[in-house]
Amino acid sequence: MEEVGTRSQVEQTALDNNAATSGLKPPTEISSSIKASQIVDYVFWIMVAIVLLRFAFKLIGANSHNAFVTLIYNATAPVVDIFRGIVGDVVSGTMVIEFSSLIAIIILWLIYKAVLRLITIVK
């Protein structure tokens, strides 16, 4: 006896054939592209959040000897340092408007959009 909620081979074949003739992707292909998009979303937003934290810490003049602040600065240095020197930073006392962080966020966003577009093209 067949369990409730499972499809027979005939039903699955009919669904696959219907999807093929209608131009729809089988559920496994749809879910893999959606999962890839979700992974890209998570990675992007985590990276942007960390770079925004760096920008905020620099802006308010956070104590760079604090362990958490140092962790954020070290984690974002590889991304932000690439853009250092494009535009000078504005410094007032301990506060810094770090334009390289803002440029990094813009570039990350462009890469994010390109990767999402690539996922839709490849699927």
Foldseek 3Di string as FASTA:
>chain_A
DDDPPDDDPVVVVVVCVVCVVVVHDPPVLVVVLVVVLVVLVVVLVVLLVLLVVLQVCQQVLPDCVDPVNVVSCVVCCVQLVVQPPPDDWDDDPSHIRRVSSVVSNVVSVVVSVVVNVVSVVVD
